[in-house]
Protein backbone atom coordinates (compact mmCIF):
# COMPACT_ATOMS: atom_id res chain seq x y z
CA UNK A 1 0.00 0.00 0.00
CA UNK A 2 2.87 2.39 0.78
CA UNK A 3 4.15 1.79 -2.73
CA UNK A 4 0.92 3.09 -4.24
CA UNK A 5 0.73 6.05 -1.87
CA UNK A 6 4.28 6.94 -2.85
CA UNK A 7 3.22 7.05 -6.52
CA UNK A 8 0.14 9.15 -5.77
CA UNK A 9 2.05 11.67 -3.68
CA UNK A 10 5.06 11.86 -6.00
CA UNK A 11 3.38 11.85 -9.41
CA UNK A 12 -0.32 12.70 -9.02
CA UNK A 13 -0.35 13.85 -12.67
CA UNK A 14 0.27 10.27 -13.80
CA UNK A 15 -2.67 8.63 -12.06
CA UNK A 16 -5.89 8.24 -14.02
CA UNK A 17 -9.07 6.31 -13.34
CA UNK A 18 -11.97 5.33 -15.59
CA UNK A 19 -15.49 5.51 -14.15
CA UNK A 20 -18.80 4.12 -15.34
CA UNK A 21 -22.08 6.06 -15.42
CA UNK A 22 -22.55 5.37 -11.68
CA UNK A 23 -19.15 6.87 -10.80
CA UNK A 24 -17.76 3.43 -10.05
CA UNK A 25 -14.07 2.98 -10.86
CA UNK A 26 -13.71 0.38 -13.59
CA UNK A 27 -10.09 0.93 -14.55
CA UNK A 28 -6.92 2.81 -13.66
CA UNK A 29 -3.36 3.47 -14.71
CA UNK A 30 -0.56 4.14 -12.24
CA UNK A 31 2.68 5.54 -13.62
CA UNK A 32 5.86 7.19 -12.41
CA UNK A 33 8.98 8.96 -13.60
CA UNK A 34 12.38 7.29 -13.30
CA UNK A 35 14.22 9.79 -11.14
CA UNK A 36 17.75 8.43 -11.39
CA UNK A 37 17.80 7.88 -15.13
CA UNK A 38 20.19 9.81 -17.40
CA UNK A 39 17.31 10.99 -19.58
CA UNK A 40 13.81 11.76 -18.40
CA UNK A 41 11.42 8.87 -18.98
CA UNK A 42 8.25 7.48 -17.52
CA UNK A 43 7.21 3.98 -16.54
CA UNK A 44 3.79 2.33 -16.47
CA UNK A 45 3.67 0.67 -13.07
CA UNK A 46 0.17 -0.74 -13.20
CA UNK A 47 -2.73 -0.78 -15.64
CA UNK A 48 -6.02 -2.58 -15.06
CA UNK A 49 -9.61 -2.61 -16.31
CA UNK A 50 -12.53 -4.61 -14.91
CA UNK A 51 -13.37 -7.66 -17.00
CA UNK A 52 -16.88 -6.29 -17.59
CA UNK A 53 -15.45 -3.17 -19.21
CA UNK A 54 -12.70 -4.61 -21.35
CA UNK A 55 -12.45 -4.25 -25.14
CA UNK A 56 -13.91 -0.76 -24.93
CA UNK A 57 -10.63 1.07 -25.47
CA UNK A 58 -10.30 2.13 -21.83
CA UNK A 59 -6.78 0.74 -21.43
CA UNK A 60 -5.64 2.63 -24.52
CA UNK A 61 -7.17 5.89 -23.34
CA UNK A 62 -5.70 5.51 -19.85
CA UNK A 63 -2.28 4.76 -21.30
CA UNK A 64 -2.33 7.74 -23.62
CA UNK A 65 -3.51 10.06 -20.86
CA UNK A 66 -0.51 9.06 -18.76
CA UNK A 67 1.84 9.45 -21.73
CA UNK A 68 0.52 12.94 -22.45
CA UNK A 69 1.26 14.11 -18.92
CA UNK A 70 4.66 12.43 -18.90
CA UNK A 71 5.53 14.63 -21.86
CA UNK A 72 3.79 17.85 -20.78
CA UNK A 73 4.80 17.81 -17.12
CA UNK A 74 8.18 16.08 -17.22
CA UNK A 75 9.29 16.35 -20.87
CA UNK A 76 9.71 12.57 -20.96
CA UNK A 77 11.85 11.09 -23.73
CA UNK A 78 10.16 7.67 -23.67
CA UNK A 79 7.85 5.47 -21.61
CA UNK A 80 8.53 1.89 -20.55
CA UNK A 81 6.62 -1.07 -19.15
CA UNK A 82 7.35 -4.69 -18.26
CA UNK A 83 5.59 -7.78 -19.56
CA UNK A 84 6.10 -11.39 -18.53
CA UNK A 85 8.08 -13.31 -21.08
CA UNK A 86 5.65 -16.22 -20.94
CA UNK A 87 2.71 -13.94 -21.71
CA UNK A 88 4.31 -12.60 -24.83
CA UNK A 89 5.41 -16.05 -26.01
CA UNK A 90 1.89 -17.42 -25.60
CA UNK A 91 0.22 -14.23 -26.81
CA UNK A 92 -2.02 -14.57 -23.76
CA UNK A 93 -1.48 -11.28 -21.97
CA UNK A 94 -4.93 -10.00 -20.91
CA UNK A 95 -6.56 -7.32 -23.03
CA UNK A 96 -6.71 -4.98 -20.04
CA UNK A 97 -2.94 -5.14 -19.70
CA UNK A 98 -2.18 -4.56 -23.40
CA UNK A 99 -2.55 -7.63 -25.65
CA UNK A 100 1.16 -7.76 -26.21
CA UNK A 101 1.22 -8.94 -29.81
CA UNK A 102 -1.32 -6.44 -30.98
CA UNK A 103 -1.99 -3.57 -28.66
CA UNK A 104 1.57 -2.79 -27.59
CA UNK A 105 2.58 -2.64 -31.22
CA UNK A 106 -0.46 -0.50 -32.01
CA UNK A 107 0.49 1.87 -29.20
CA UNK A 108 4.09 1.98 -30.40
CA UNK A 109 5.82 -0.19 -27.78
CA UNK A 110 8.77 -2.33 -28.83
CA UNK A 111 10.95 -4.81 -26.95
CA UNK A 112 14.09 -3.06 -25.75
CA UNK A 113 15.66 -5.70 -23.52
CA UNK A 114 14.99 -8.73 -21.31
CA UNK A 115 15.31 -8.36 -17.54
CA UNK A 116 16.22 -11.65 -15.91
CA UNK A 117 14.18 -12.78 -12.90
CA UNK A 118 12.27 -9.51 -12.78
CA UNK A 119 9.16 -10.97 -11.12
CA UNK A 120 8.85 -12.44 -7.63
CA UNK A 121 8.62 -15.95 -9.06
CA UNK A 122 11.91 -15.36 -10.93
CA UNK A 123 10.28 -15.14 -14.34
CA UNK A 124 11.97 -12.95 -16.91
CA UNK A 125 10.33 -9.77 -18.19
CA UNK A 126 10.43 -7.95 -21.47
CA UNK A 127 11.46 -4.33 -21.03
CA UNK A 128 9.27 -2.60 -23.60
CA UNK A 129 9.63 1.03 -24.60
CA UNK A 130 7.83 3.64 -26.62
CA UNK A 131 9.68 6.67 -27.98
CA UNK A 132 8.08 10.01 -27.07
CA UNK A 133 10.57 12.32 -28.79
CA UNK A 134 8.13 12.99 -31.61
CA UNK A 135 5.10 13.31 -29.33
CA UNK A 136 3.01 16.34 -30.43
CA UNK A 137 2.98 17.70 -26.87
CA UNK A 138 6.75 17.55 -26.53
CA UNK A 139 8.04 21.02 -25.64
CA UNK A 140 10.31 21.39 -28.66
CA UNK A 141 7.59 20.01 -30.93
CA UNK A 142 5.07 22.42 -29.45
CA UNK A 143 7.47 25.23 -30.31
CA UNK A 144 7.75 24.00 -33.88
CA UNK A 145 4.00 23.61 -34.12
CA UNK A 146 3.53 27.16 -32.85
CA UNK A 147 6.02 28.42 -35.45
CA UNK A 148 4.21 26.58 -38.24
CA UNK A 149 0.90 27.99 -37.03
CA UNK A 150 2.41 31.49 -36.97
CA UNK A 151 3.75 31.10 -40.51
CA UNK A 152 0.41 29.82 -41.74
CA UNK A 153 -1.29 32.83 -40.18
CA UNK A 154 1.17 35.16 -41.90
CA UNK A 155 0.57 33.44 -45.24
CA UNK A 156 -3.17 33.78 -44.72
CA UNK A 157 -2.80 37.50 -43.98
CA UNK A 158 -0.63 37.99 -47.07
CA UNK A 159 -3.21 36.23 -49.21
CA UNK A 160 -5.92 38.53 -47.86
CA UNK A 161 -3.74 41.57 -48.53
CA UNK A 162 -3.06 40.34 -52.07
CA UNK A 163 -6.75 39.94 -52.74
CA UNK A 164 -7.43 43.45 -51.37
CA UNK A 165 -4.60 45.03 -53.37
CA UNK A 166 -5.81 43.30 -56.53
CA UNK A 167 -9.35 44.52 -55.96
CA UNK A 168 -8.13 48.07 -55.29
CA UNK A 169 -5.94 47.99 -58.40
CA UNK A 170 -8.84 46.80 -60.55
CA UNK A 171 -11.08 49.54 -59.14
CA UNK A 172 -8.39 52.19 -59.74
CA UNK A 173 -7.85 50.97 -63.30
CA UNK A 174 -11.57 51.14 -64.00
CA UNK A 175 -11.79 54.66 -62.54
CA UNK A 176 -8.76 55.81 -64.56
CA UNK A 177 -10.24 54.45 -67.76
CA UNK A 178 -13.49 56.31 -67.08
CA UNK A 179 -11.63 59.56 -66.30
CA UNK A 180 -9.55 59.18 -69.42
CA UNK A 181 -12.66 59.01 -71.60
CA UNK A 182 -14.09 62.14 -70.00
CA UNK A 183 -10.79 64.00 -70.22
CA UNK A 184 -10.59 63.74 -74.04
CA UNK A 185 -13.76 65.74 -74.60
CA UNK A 186 -12.88 68.34 -71.98
CA UNK A 187 -9.41 68.68 -73.44
CA UNK A 188 -10.73 69.71 -76.86
CA UNK A 189 -12.96 72.40 -75.41
CA UNK A 190 -10.19 73.76 -73.23
CA UNK A 191 -7.77 73.86 -76.15
CA UNK A 192 -10.28 75.72 -78.29
CA UNK A 193 -10.93 78.27 -75.60
CA UNK A 194 -7.22 78.71 -75.01
CA UNK A 195 -6.61 79.19 -78.70
CA UNK A 196 -9.32 81.81 -79.01
CA UNK A 197 -8.14 83.57 -75.93
CA UNK A 198 -4.58 83.52 -77.24
CA UNK A 199 -5.53 85.13 -80.55
CA UNK A 200 -7.57 87.76 -78.78
CA UNK A 201 -4.70 88.68 -76.51
CA UNK A 202 -2.31 88.97 -79.43
CA UNK A 203 -4.70 91.25 -81.33
CA UNK A 204 -5.09 93.38 -78.26
CA UNK A 205 -1.34 93.80 -77.96
CA UNK A 206 -0.99 94.79 -81.61
CA UNK A 207 -3.67 97.49 -81.29
CA UNK A 208 -1.95 98.90 -78.26
CA UNK A 209 1.28 99.34 -80.14
């Protein structure tokens, strides 16, 4: 019991439970962070779902919830778990624990090593790991995602500006064409008036002399 309390007090972010419609707990995942490791990584300590609620995807959702917080809260590089060697060989690991031949592979877990006499009965265990370096919630990946989002927003704004400039240019061209047509007629009248006025002024100057 102390072992579980230690998990809850040390890594409350990594404890999730699944409840039914009556608020009854039907599954849970208990995970931790390996404190003395060279690189930050999490470990699935325990995962269980009631037999009556298996094959509903609860184990997968619990696992992913723990993985998300391992990445967001502790910037975990990978997550590990142990599976009995006999279970994997027989393909008989219960569905609520992962279905080693199918579900672990679906969730991205791969065998990393074999730990001799890991269990109390001296049975060997497969040390399975899942890489989290490319997890979308990884801090560096979140930064890249934010940059991409920012660039997409800038592209969108440029496209809007281009559309506006094009529309303004078309409107200006249309207005210029209309003004040009009006200016031709006005230009003739003004030239005629200027010509008449010019002749009149010259005649006036001659008379004065």
